[in-house]
Amino acid sequence: MRTLVITAAFVILAAGAWSAASAQKAPTSGFRAEMLEQIDDAGKKLVSLAEAMPAGKYTWRPAEGVRSVSELYMHVVGGNYFIGSFLGVKPPEGLDRNAEKTVTAKDQVIEQMKASIEHARKIVLGMSDKDLEKQVKMFGSRTTTARNALVTLLAHMHEHLGQGIAYARMNGVVPPWSATEQ
């Protein structure tokens, strides 16, 4: 019940973040426009793959000690918030730091995935081109640019999209965007 209440609060907060991000004018060219396009593409694929995977498979894992399906998707969710924090964007209040282990229901995972993708969009929309050059610290001591932090966020999404594709195929699920091409 506690997880359900936290998830509901999280979704409400994320919906507000989505509204604010949607209200901002998206860039039409340049790195930030390209970043938004890529976040949208990876995000759409992650969500559609999560939706295509049967709920009964969310506890499936390819081997002992490897993330389950729900843990994989919640890891992406956590990454979208954690990497954003390097850019000074705080995750929503009440975010469960153990969500990778505690949020396992398909509908909750998908809702949190959608909210984290909107959070990633909000990060990009809240930046200017000049902000991309700002120095940020990542993972404690590594100094890099805000642009590279965004690249890391996108690389993380794609890395685990690939893992999700492998999980789906191992369970007889064809990625929806591939199914339409066949």
N, C-alpha and C. Protein backbone atom coordinates (compact mmCIF):
# COMPACT_ATOMS: atom_id res chain seq x y z
N MET A 1 0.82 -1.18 0.00
CA MET A 1 0.00 0.00 0.00
C MET A 1 0.87 1.26 0.00
N ARG A 2 1.96 1.21 0.80
CA ARG A 2 2.87 2.36 0.86
C ARG A 2 3.45 2.66 -0.51
N THR A 3 3.85 1.62 -1.23
CA THR A 3 4.40 1.80 -2.58
C THR A 3 3.36 2.40 -3.51
N LEU A 4 2.12 1.98 -3.38
CA LEU A 4 1.06 2.51 -4.22
C LEU A 4 0.84 4.00 -3.95
N VAL A 5 0.85 4.40 -2.67
CA VAL A 5 0.67 5.80 -2.31
C VAL A 5 1.83 6.63 -2.84
N ILE A 6 3.06 6.13 -2.67
CA ILE A 6 4.24 6.85 -3.16
C ILE A 6 4.19 6.96 -4.68
N THR A 7 3.80 5.88 -5.34
CA THR A 7 3.70 5.91 -6.80
C THR A 7 2.65 6.92 -7.26
N ALA A 8 1.51 6.95 -6.59
CA ALA A 8 0.45 7.90 -6.97
C ALA A 8 0.94 9.33 -6.80
N ALA A 9 1.61 9.61 -5.68
CA ALA A 9 2.16 10.96 -5.45
C ALA A 9 3.19 11.30 -6.50
N PHE A 10 4.01 10.34 -6.83
CA PHE A 10 5.06 10.52 -7.83
C PHE A 10 4.46 10.86 -9.19
N VAL A 11 3.41 10.15 -9.58
CA VAL A 11 2.77 10.38 -10.88
C VAL A 11 2.13 11.76 -10.93
N ILE A 12 1.52 12.18 -9.84
CA ILE A 12 0.91 13.52 -9.78
C ILE A 12 1.98 14.59 -9.93
N LEU A 13 3.09 14.43 -9.20
CA LEU A 13 4.19 15.40 -9.31
C LEU A 13 4.78 15.40 -10.72
N ALA A 14 4.94 14.24 -11.29
CA ALA A 14 5.50 14.15 -12.64
C ALA A 14 4.58 14.77 -13.66
N ALA A 15 3.28 14.63 -13.47
CA ALA A 15 2.33 15.25 -14.41
C ALA A 15 2.48 16.75 -14.39
N GLY A 16 2.70 17.32 -13.20
CA GLY A 16 2.95 18.76 -13.11
C GLY A 16 4.23 19.15 -13.81
N ALA A 17 5.27 18.33 -13.67
CA ALA A 17 6.54 18.60 -14.35
C ALA A 17 6.34 18.52 -15.86
N TRP A 18 5.54 17.56 -16.31
CA TRP A 18 5.29 17.43 -17.74
C TRP A 18 4.59 18.67 -18.27
N SER A 19 3.60 19.16 -17.54
CA SER A 19 2.87 20.34 -17.98
C SER A 19 3.79 21.54 -18.11
N ALA A 20 4.68 21.72 -17.12
CA ALA A 20 5.62 22.84 -17.17
C ALA A 20 6.58 22.68 -18.32
N ALA A 21 7.07 21.45 -18.54
CA ALA A 21 8.02 21.22 -19.63
C ALA A 21 7.35 21.42 -20.98
N SER A 22 6.10 20.98 -21.09
CA SER A 22 5.39 21.11 -22.36
C SER A 22 5.11 22.57 -22.70
N ALA A 23 4.96 23.39 -21.65
CA ALA A 23 4.63 24.79 -21.86
C ALA A 23 5.83 25.58 -22.39
N GLN A 24 7.04 25.10 -22.13
CA GLN A 24 8.23 25.78 -22.61
C GLN A 24 8.40 25.52 -24.09
N LYS A 25 8.92 26.52 -24.77
CA LYS A 25 9.12 26.38 -26.20
C LYS A 25 10.34 25.49 -26.48
N ALA A 26 10.12 24.45 -27.24
CA ALA A 26 11.21 23.53 -27.58
C ALA A 26 12.06 24.13 -28.69
N PRO A 27 13.37 23.94 -28.60
CA PRO A 27 14.23 24.42 -29.68
C PRO A 27 13.95 23.64 -30.96
N THR A 28 14.13 24.29 -32.10
CA THR A 28 13.86 23.64 -33.38
C THR A 28 15.13 23.22 -34.11
N SER A 29 16.27 23.66 -33.61
CA SER A 29 17.54 23.25 -34.22
C SER A 29 18.62 23.27 -33.15
N GLY A 30 19.75 22.68 -33.48
CA GLY A 30 20.87 22.66 -32.55
C GLY A 30 20.86 21.42 -31.67
N PHE A 31 21.84 21.36 -30.78
CA PHE A 31 22.05 20.19 -29.94
C PHE A 31 20.83 19.87 -29.08
N ARG A 32 20.23 20.87 -28.46
CA ARG A 32 19.10 20.61 -27.58
C ARG A 32 17.91 20.04 -28.35
N ALA A 33 17.66 20.52 -29.56
CA ALA A 33 16.58 19.97 -30.38
C ALA A 33 16.88 18.51 -30.72
N GLU A 34 18.13 18.23 -31.07
CA GLU A 34 18.53 16.86 -31.39
C GLU A 34 18.42 15.96 -30.16
N MET A 35 18.78 16.50 -29.01
CA MET A 35 18.70 15.74 -27.77
C MET A 35 17.25 15.38 -27.46
N LEU A 36 16.35 16.34 -27.59
CA LEU A 36 14.93 16.07 -27.36
C LEU A 36 14.41 15.01 -28.31
N GLU A 37 14.81 15.09 -29.57
CA GLU A 37 14.38 14.09 -30.56
C GLU A 37 14.85 12.70 -30.16
N GLN A 38 16.08 12.60 -29.69
CA GLN A 38 16.62 11.30 -29.29
C GLN A 38 15.99 10.78 -28.00
N ILE A 39 15.75 11.67 -27.03
CA ILE A 39 15.07 11.26 -25.80
C ILE A 39 13.67 10.75 -26.15
N ASP A 40 12.97 11.46 -27.05
CA ASP A 40 11.63 11.03 -27.46
C ASP A 40 11.67 9.67 -28.12
N ASP A 41 12.66 9.45 -28.99
CA ASP A 41 12.76 8.17 -29.69
C ASP A 41 13.06 7.03 -28.72
N ALA A 42 14.09 7.20 -27.90
CA ALA A 42 14.44 6.15 -26.94
C ALA A 42 13.30 5.94 -25.95
N GLY A 43 12.70 7.04 -25.50
CA GLY A 43 11.61 6.94 -24.54
C GLY A 43 10.41 6.21 -25.11
N LYS A 44 10.03 6.53 -26.33
CA LYS A 44 8.89 5.86 -26.97
C LYS A 44 9.16 4.36 -27.09
N LYS A 45 10.38 4.00 -27.47
CA LYS A 45 10.72 2.58 -27.60
C LYS A 45 10.74 1.89 -26.24
N LEU A 46 11.30 2.54 -25.22
CA LEU A 46 11.31 1.93 -23.89
C LEU A 46 9.89 1.69 -23.39
N VAL A 47 9.04 2.69 -23.53
CA VAL A 47 7.66 2.56 -23.05
C VAL A 47 6.91 1.49 -23.85
N SER A 48 7.03 1.51 -25.16
CA SER A 48 6.29 0.52 -25.96
C SER A 48 6.80 -0.90 -25.68
N LEU A 49 8.08 -1.05 -25.43
CA LEU A 49 8.63 -2.37 -25.10
C LEU A 49 8.13 -2.82 -23.73
N ALA A 50 8.11 -1.89 -22.77
CA ALA A 50 7.60 -2.21 -21.44
C ALA A 50 6.12 -2.59 -21.51
N GLU A 51 5.36 -1.91 -22.36
CA GLU A 51 3.95 -2.22 -22.52
C GLU A 51 3.75 -3.58 -23.20
N ALA A 52 4.64 -3.94 -24.11
CA ALA A 52 4.50 -5.20 -24.85
C ALA A 52 4.86 -6.42 -23.99
N MET A 53 5.71 -6.23 -23.00
CA MET A 53 6.13 -7.35 -22.14
C MET A 53 4.96 -7.73 -21.22
N PRO A 54 4.59 -9.00 -21.19
CA PRO A 54 3.49 -9.43 -20.30
C PRO A 54 3.82 -9.14 -18.83
N ALA A 55 2.82 -8.74 -18.07
CA ALA A 55 3.00 -8.42 -16.65
C ALA A 55 3.64 -9.58 -15.89
N GLY A 56 3.29 -10.80 -16.25
CA GLY A 56 3.85 -11.97 -15.59
C GLY A 56 5.34 -12.16 -15.81
N LYS A 57 5.90 -11.45 -16.77
CA LYS A 57 7.34 -11.56 -17.06
C LYS A 57 8.17 -10.48 -16.37
N TYR A 58 7.52 -9.59 -15.63
CA TYR A 58 8.25 -8.49 -15.00
C TYR A 58 9.19 -8.96 -13.89
N THR A 59 9.01 -10.17 -13.39
CA THR A 59 9.93 -10.73 -12.39
C THR A 59 10.99 -11.62 -13.04
N TRP A 60 10.88 -11.85 -14.35
CA TRP A 60 11.82 -12.71 -15.05
C TRP A 60 13.20 -12.06 -15.10
N ARG A 61 14.21 -12.87 -14.93
CA ARG A 61 15.60 -12.41 -15.08
C ARG A 61 16.37 -13.50 -15.83
N PRO A 62 17.33 -13.11 -16.67
CA PRO A 62 18.03 -14.11 -17.48
C PRO A 62 18.95 -15.02 -16.68
N ALA A 63 19.35 -14.60 -15.49
CA ALA A 63 20.22 -15.43 -14.65
C ALA A 63 20.22 -14.85 -13.24
N GLU A 64 20.63 -15.66 -12.30
CA GLU A 64 20.76 -15.23 -10.91
C GLU A 64 21.69 -14.03 -10.83
N GLY A 65 21.29 -13.03 -10.07
CA GLY A 65 22.15 -11.86 -9.87
C GLY A 65 22.07 -10.81 -10.96
N VAL A 66 21.20 -11.03 -11.95
CA VAL A 66 21.03 -10.08 -13.05
C VAL A 66 19.68 -9.40 -12.86
N ARG A 67 19.56 -8.14 -13.25
CA ARG A 67 18.31 -7.40 -13.08
C ARG A 67 17.14 -8.13 -13.74
N SER A 68 16.00 -8.07 -13.05
CA SER A 68 14.75 -8.57 -13.64
C SER A 68 14.23 -7.53 -14.62
N VAL A 69 13.15 -7.85 -15.31
CA VAL A 69 12.55 -6.91 -16.26
C VAL A 69 12.16 -5.61 -15.54
N SER A 70 11.43 -5.73 -14.42
CA SER A 70 11.02 -4.50 -13.71
C SER A 70 12.23 -3.75 -13.18
N GLU A 71 13.24 -4.44 -12.68
CA GLU A 71 14.45 -3.78 -12.18
C GLU A 71 15.18 -3.05 -13.31
N LEU A 72 15.21 -3.65 -14.48
CA LEU A 72 15.84 -3.01 -15.63
C LEU A 72 15.17 -1.68 -15.94
N TYR A 73 13.83 -1.70 -16.06
CA TYR A 73 13.12 -0.47 -16.41
C TYR A 73 13.21 0.57 -15.30
N MET A 74 13.14 0.13 -14.04
CA MET A 74 13.25 1.08 -12.94
C MET A 74 14.67 1.62 -12.81
N HIS A 75 15.65 0.87 -13.27
CA HIS A 75 17.02 1.37 -13.32
C HIS A 75 17.12 2.54 -14.29
N VAL A 76 16.45 2.44 -15.42
CA VAL A 76 16.41 3.54 -16.38
C VAL A 76 15.74 4.75 -15.74
N VAL A 77 14.63 4.51 -15.06
CA VAL A 77 13.92 5.59 -14.37
C VAL A 77 14.88 6.30 -13.40
N GLY A 78 15.54 5.52 -12.58
CA GLY A 78 16.49 6.10 -11.62
C GLY A 78 17.60 6.87 -12.30
N GLY A 79 18.11 6.34 -13.40
CA GLY A 79 19.16 7.03 -14.14
C GLY A 79 18.70 8.37 -14.69
N ASN A 80 17.48 8.43 -15.17
CA ASN A 80 16.96 9.69 -15.72
C ASN A 80 16.94 10.77 -14.65
N TYR A 81 16.63 10.39 -13.42
CA TYR A 81 16.63 11.36 -12.32
C TYR A 81 18.04 11.61 -11.80
N PHE A 82 18.81 10.57 -11.60
CA PHE A 82 20.15 10.70 -11.02
C PHE A 82 21.07 11.52 -11.92
N ILE A 83 21.11 11.22 -13.19
CA ILE A 83 21.98 11.97 -14.10
C ILE A 83 21.52 13.41 -14.20
N GLY A 84 20.22 13.64 -14.16
CA GLY A 84 19.71 15.01 -14.15
C GLY A 84 20.18 15.79 -12.94
N SER A 85 20.40 15.10 -11.82
CA SER A 85 20.84 15.80 -10.61
C SER A 85 22.23 16.40 -10.79
N PHE A 86 23.05 15.85 -11.68
CA PHE A 86 24.37 16.44 -11.95
C PHE A 86 24.22 17.82 -12.59
N LEU A 87 23.09 18.05 -13.20
CA LEU A 87 22.82 19.33 -13.86
C LEU A 87 22.04 20.27 -12.95
N GLY A 88 21.89 19.89 -11.70
CA GLY A 88 21.21 20.75 -10.74
C GLY A 88 19.70 20.61 -10.74
N VAL A 89 19.16 19.62 -11.44
CA VAL A 89 17.72 19.41 -11.48
C VAL A 89 17.37 18.33 -10.47
N LYS A 90 16.60 18.73 -9.48
CA LYS A 90 16.24 17.81 -8.41
C LYS A 90 15.16 16.83 -8.87
N PRO A 91 15.26 15.59 -8.40
CA PRO A 91 14.18 14.64 -8.69
C PRO A 91 12.94 15.03 -7.90
N PRO A 92 11.79 14.50 -8.25
CA PRO A 92 10.56 14.82 -7.52
C PRO A 92 10.67 14.45 -6.04
N GLU A 93 10.01 15.23 -5.21
CA GLU A 93 9.95 14.92 -3.77
C GLU A 93 9.33 13.53 -3.59
N GLY A 94 9.83 12.81 -2.61
CA GLY A 94 9.27 11.52 -2.27
C GLY A 94 9.70 10.37 -3.18
N LEU A 95 10.63 10.65 -4.08
CA LEU A 95 11.10 9.58 -4.97
C LEU A 95 11.78 8.49 -4.13
N ASP A 96 11.37 7.28 -4.30
CA ASP A 96 11.91 6.14 -3.55
C ASP A 96 13.24 5.73 -4.15
N ARG A 97 14.31 5.90 -3.39
CA ARG A 97 15.65 5.56 -3.87
C ARG A 97 15.81 4.05 -4.08
N ASN A 98 14.91 3.26 -3.51
CA ASN A 98 14.96 1.81 -3.67
C ASN A 98 13.93 1.31 -4.67
N ALA A 99 13.41 2.22 -5.49
CA ALA A 99 12.33 1.86 -6.43
C ALA A 99 12.72 0.72 -7.37
N GLU A 100 14.00 0.62 -7.68
CA GLU A 100 14.43 -0.47 -8.57
C GLU A 100 14.06 -1.83 -7.99
N LYS A 101 14.07 -1.92 -6.67
CA LYS A 101 13.74 -3.19 -5.99
C LYS A 101 12.28 -3.25 -5.53
N THR A 102 11.65 -2.09 -5.31
CA THR A 102 10.32 -2.10 -4.71
C THR A 102 9.17 -1.89 -5.69
N VAL A 103 9.43 -1.26 -6.82
CA VAL A 103 8.37 -1.04 -7.81
C VAL A 103 8.49 -2.15 -8.85
N THR A 104 7.54 -3.07 -8.81
CA THR A 104 7.62 -4.24 -9.69
C THR A 104 6.39 -4.45 -10.56
N ALA A 105 5.29 -3.78 -10.25
CA ALA A 105 4.05 -3.95 -11.01
C ALA A 105 4.17 -3.23 -12.35
N LYS A 106 3.77 -3.90 -13.41
CA LYS A 106 3.90 -3.38 -14.76
C LYS A 106 3.34 -1.97 -14.91
N ASP A 107 2.11 -1.74 -14.45
CA ASP A 107 1.49 -0.43 -14.63
C ASP A 107 2.26 0.67 -13.89
N GLN A 108 2.76 0.36 -12.71
CA GLN A 108 3.55 1.34 -11.95
C GLN A 108 4.89 1.62 -12.63
N VAL A 109 5.53 0.59 -13.13
CA VAL A 109 6.81 0.74 -13.82
C VAL A 109 6.62 1.65 -15.05
N ILE A 110 5.59 1.38 -15.83
CA ILE A 110 5.35 2.17 -17.05
C ILE A 110 5.04 3.63 -16.70
N GLU A 111 4.22 3.87 -15.70
CA GLU A 111 3.91 5.25 -15.30
C GLU A 111 5.17 5.97 -14.84
N GLN A 112 6.01 5.29 -14.07
CA GLN A 112 7.24 5.94 -13.60
C GLN A 112 8.22 6.14 -14.76
N MET A 113 8.23 5.23 -15.72
CA MET A 113 9.08 5.40 -16.90
C MET A 113 8.66 6.65 -17.66
N LYS A 114 7.36 6.78 -17.91
CA LYS A 114 6.85 7.95 -18.63
C LYS A 114 7.22 9.24 -17.89
N ALA A 115 7.04 9.25 -16.58
CA ALA A 115 7.34 10.45 -15.79
C ALA A 115 8.83 10.79 -15.85
N SER A 116 9.69 9.79 -15.80
CA SER A 116 11.14 10.06 -15.84
C SER A 116 11.58 10.57 -17.20
N ILE A 117 10.92 10.12 -18.25
CA ILE A 117 11.24 10.61 -19.60
C ILE A 117 10.82 12.07 -19.72
N GLU A 118 9.67 12.41 -19.18
CA GLU A 118 9.25 13.81 -19.18
C GLU A 118 10.20 14.66 -18.35
N HIS A 119 10.71 14.09 -17.27
CA HIS A 119 11.69 14.80 -16.44
C HIS A 119 12.95 15.08 -17.27
N ALA A 120 13.40 14.09 -18.03
CA ALA A 120 14.58 14.28 -18.89
C ALA A 120 14.31 15.38 -19.92
N ARG A 121 13.13 15.40 -20.49
CA ARG A 121 12.76 16.46 -21.43
C ARG A 121 12.79 17.83 -20.75
N LYS A 122 12.27 17.88 -19.53
CA LYS A 122 12.24 19.12 -18.77
C LYS A 122 13.66 19.65 -18.55
N ILE A 123 14.59 18.76 -18.29
CA ILE A 123 15.98 19.17 -18.10
C ILE A 123 16.49 19.90 -19.34
N VAL A 124 16.28 19.29 -20.50
CA VAL A 124 16.76 19.89 -21.76
C VAL A 124 16.03 21.20 -22.04
N LEU A 125 14.72 21.20 -21.85
CA LEU A 125 13.94 22.41 -22.11
C LEU A 125 14.32 23.56 -21.17
N GLY A 126 14.79 23.23 -19.99
CA GLY A 126 15.16 24.25 -19.03
C GLY A 126 16.55 24.83 -19.24
N MET A 127 17.28 24.31 -20.21
CA MET A 127 18.64 24.76 -20.47
C MET A 127 18.68 25.69 -21.68
N SER A 128 19.70 26.53 -21.69
CA SER A 128 19.98 27.34 -22.89
C SER A 128 21.17 26.70 -23.60
N ASP A 129 21.43 27.15 -24.81
CA ASP A 129 22.61 26.64 -25.52
C ASP A 129 23.88 26.96 -24.74
N LYS A 130 23.90 28.13 -24.11
CA LYS A 130 25.08 28.54 -23.33
C LYS A 130 25.29 27.60 -22.13
N ASP A 131 24.19 27.12 -21.55
CA ASP A 131 24.27 26.21 -20.40
C ASP A 131 25.01 24.92 -20.74
N LEU A 132 24.99 24.53 -22.00
CA LEU A 132 25.63 23.27 -22.40
C LEU A 132 27.13 23.27 -22.12
N GLU A 133 27.73 24.44 -22.08
CA GLU A 133 29.17 24.55 -21.86
C GLU A 133 29.56 24.59 -20.39
N LYS A 134 28.58 24.72 -19.50
CA LYS A 134 28.87 24.80 -18.07
C LYS A 134 29.56 23.53 -17.60
N GLN A 135 30.48 23.72 -16.67
CA GLN A 135 31.18 22.59 -16.07
C GLN A 135 30.32 21.99 -14.96
N VAL A 136 30.22 20.70 -14.94
CA VAL A 136 29.48 19.98 -13.90
C VAL A 136 30.34 18.82 -13.41
N LYS A 137 30.04 18.39 -12.20
CA LYS A 137 30.72 17.22 -11.64
C LYS A 137 29.78 16.03 -11.75
N MET A 138 30.33 14.94 -12.24
CA MET A 138 29.55 13.71 -12.35
C MET A 138 30.23 12.61 -11.55
N PHE A 139 29.43 11.79 -10.91
CA PHE A 139 29.92 10.63 -10.17
C PHE A 139 31.01 11.01 -9.17
N GLY A 140 30.80 12.12 -8.50
CA GLY A 140 31.69 12.52 -7.41
C GLY A 140 32.80 13.47 -7.79
N SER A 141 33.65 13.08 -8.72
CA SER A 141 34.82 13.92 -8.98
C SER A 141 35.08 14.22 -10.45
N ARG A 142 34.39 13.56 -11.33
CA ARG A 142 34.64 13.76 -12.76
C ARG A 142 34.04 15.07 -13.24
N THR A 143 34.87 15.98 -13.75
CA THR A 143 34.39 17.25 -14.27
C THR A 143 34.20 17.13 -15.78
N THR A 144 33.05 17.59 -16.23
CA THR A 144 32.72 17.53 -17.65
C THR A 144 31.75 18.67 -17.96
N THR A 145 31.24 18.70 -19.17
CA THR A 145 30.27 19.73 -19.54
C THR A 145 28.85 19.22 -19.30
N ALA A 146 27.94 20.17 -19.20
CA ALA A 146 26.52 19.81 -19.09
C ALA A 146 26.10 19.03 -20.33
N ARG A 147 26.64 19.38 -21.49
CA ARG A 147 26.32 18.66 -22.73
C ARG A 147 26.68 17.18 -22.58
N ASN A 148 27.84 16.89 -22.02
CA ASN A 148 28.26 15.50 -21.86
C ASN A 148 27.38 14.77 -20.85
N ALA A 149 26.89 15.48 -19.84
CA ALA A 149 25.96 14.85 -18.90
C ALA A 149 24.68 14.43 -19.64
N LEU A 150 24.21 15.29 -20.57
CA LEU A 150 23.03 14.93 -21.37
C LEU A 150 23.33 13.73 -22.27
N VAL A 151 24.51 13.71 -22.85
CA VAL A 151 24.90 12.57 -23.70
C VAL A 151 24.92 11.30 -22.86
N THR A 152 25.41 11.39 -21.63
CA THR A 152 25.45 10.24 -20.73
C THR A 152 24.04 9.75 -20.42
N LEU A 153 23.11 10.68 -20.19
CA LEU A 153 21.72 10.32 -19.93
C LEU A 153 21.14 9.55 -21.12
N LEU A 154 21.37 10.07 -22.31
CA LEU A 154 20.85 9.40 -23.51
C LEU A 154 21.53 8.05 -23.74
N ALA A 155 22.84 7.99 -23.55
CA ALA A 155 23.55 6.71 -23.71
C ALA A 155 23.01 5.67 -22.74
N HIS A 156 22.72 6.10 -21.53
CA HIS A 156 22.18 5.19 -20.52
C HIS A 156 20.82 4.65 -20.95
N MET A 157 19.97 5.53 -21.47
CA MET A 157 18.66 5.08 -21.95
C MET A 157 18.82 4.05 -23.07
N HIS A 158 19.71 4.34 -24.01
CA HIS A 158 19.90 3.42 -25.15
C HIS A 158 20.55 2.11 -24.72
N GLU A 159 21.49 2.19 -23.80
CA GLU A 159 22.15 0.97 -23.32
C GLU A 159 21.11 0.00 -22.77
N HIS A 160 20.21 0.52 -21.95
CA HIS A 160 19.22 -0.36 -21.33
C HIS A 160 18.04 -0.65 -22.24
N LEU A 161 17.82 0.17 -23.26
CA LEU A 161 16.86 -0.19 -24.30
C LEU A 161 17.35 -1.46 -24.99
N GLY A 162 18.62 -1.51 -25.31
CA GLY A 162 19.19 -2.72 -25.92
C GLY A 162 19.04 -3.93 -25.02
N GLN A 163 19.27 -3.75 -23.74
CA GLN A 163 19.09 -4.84 -22.78
C GLN A 163 17.63 -5.26 -22.74
N GLY A 164 16.72 -4.28 -22.76
CA GLY A 164 15.29 -4.59 -22.76
C GLY A 164 14.86 -5.36 -24.01
N ILE A 165 15.46 -5.01 -25.14
CA ILE A 165 15.16 -5.73 -26.38
C ILE A 165 15.59 -7.19 -26.24
N ALA A 166 16.78 -7.41 -25.69
CA ALA A 166 17.26 -8.78 -25.49
C ALA A 166 16.33 -9.55 -24.54
N TYR A 167 15.92 -8.91 -23.46
CA TYR A 167 14.99 -9.55 -22.52
C TYR A 167 13.69 -9.91 -23.23
N ALA A 168 13.16 -8.98 -24.01
CA ALA A 168 11.90 -9.22 -24.70
C ALA A 168 12.04 -10.40 -25.67
N ARG A 169 13.08 -10.37 -26.49
CA ARG A 169 13.27 -11.45 -27.47
C ARG A 169 13.42 -12.80 -26.79
N MET A 170 14.12 -12.82 -25.65
CA MET A 170 14.31 -14.08 -24.92
C MET A 170 12.98 -14.61 -24.38
N ASN A 171 11.99 -13.74 -24.29
CA ASN A 171 10.67 -14.12 -23.80
C ASN A 171 9.63 -14.17 -24.92
N GLY A 172 10.09 -14.18 -26.18
CA GLY A 172 9.20 -14.31 -27.32
C GLY A 172 8.42 -13.05 -27.67
N VAL A 173 8.87 -11.90 -27.16
CA VAL A 173 8.20 -10.63 -27.45
C VAL A 173 8.99 -9.88 -28.51
N VAL A 174 8.33 -9.56 -29.60
CA VAL A 174 8.96 -8.79 -30.68
C VAL A 174 8.78 -7.31 -30.36
N PRO A 175 9.87 -6.53 -30.40
CA PRO A 175 9.71 -5.08 -30.16
C PRO A 175 8.64 -4.50 -31.09
N PRO A 176 7.71 -3.72 -30.54
CA PRO A 176 6.59 -3.22 -31.35
C PRO A 176 6.99 -2.50 -32.63
N TRP A 177 8.06 -1.72 -32.62
CA TRP A 177 8.48 -1.02 -33.82
C TRP A 177 9.05 -1.98 -34.84
N SER A 178 9.57 -3.12 -34.43
CA SER A 178 10.04 -4.16 -35.35
C SER A 178 8.87 -4.95 -35.91
N ALA A 179 7.88 -5.19 -35.07
CA ALA A 179 6.71 -5.97 -35.49
C ALA A 179 5.96 -5.28 -36.62
N THR A 180 5.91 -3.95 -36.60
CA THR A 180 5.19 -3.23 -37.64
C THR A 180 5.95 -3.26 -38.96
N GLU A 181 7.26 -3.49 -38.90
CA GLU A 181 8.07 -3.55 -40.13
C GLU A 181 8.04 -4.92 -40.77
N GLN A 182 7.63 -5.96 -40.00
CA GLN A 182 7.67 -7.33 -40.50
C GLN A 182 6.38 -7.70 -41.22
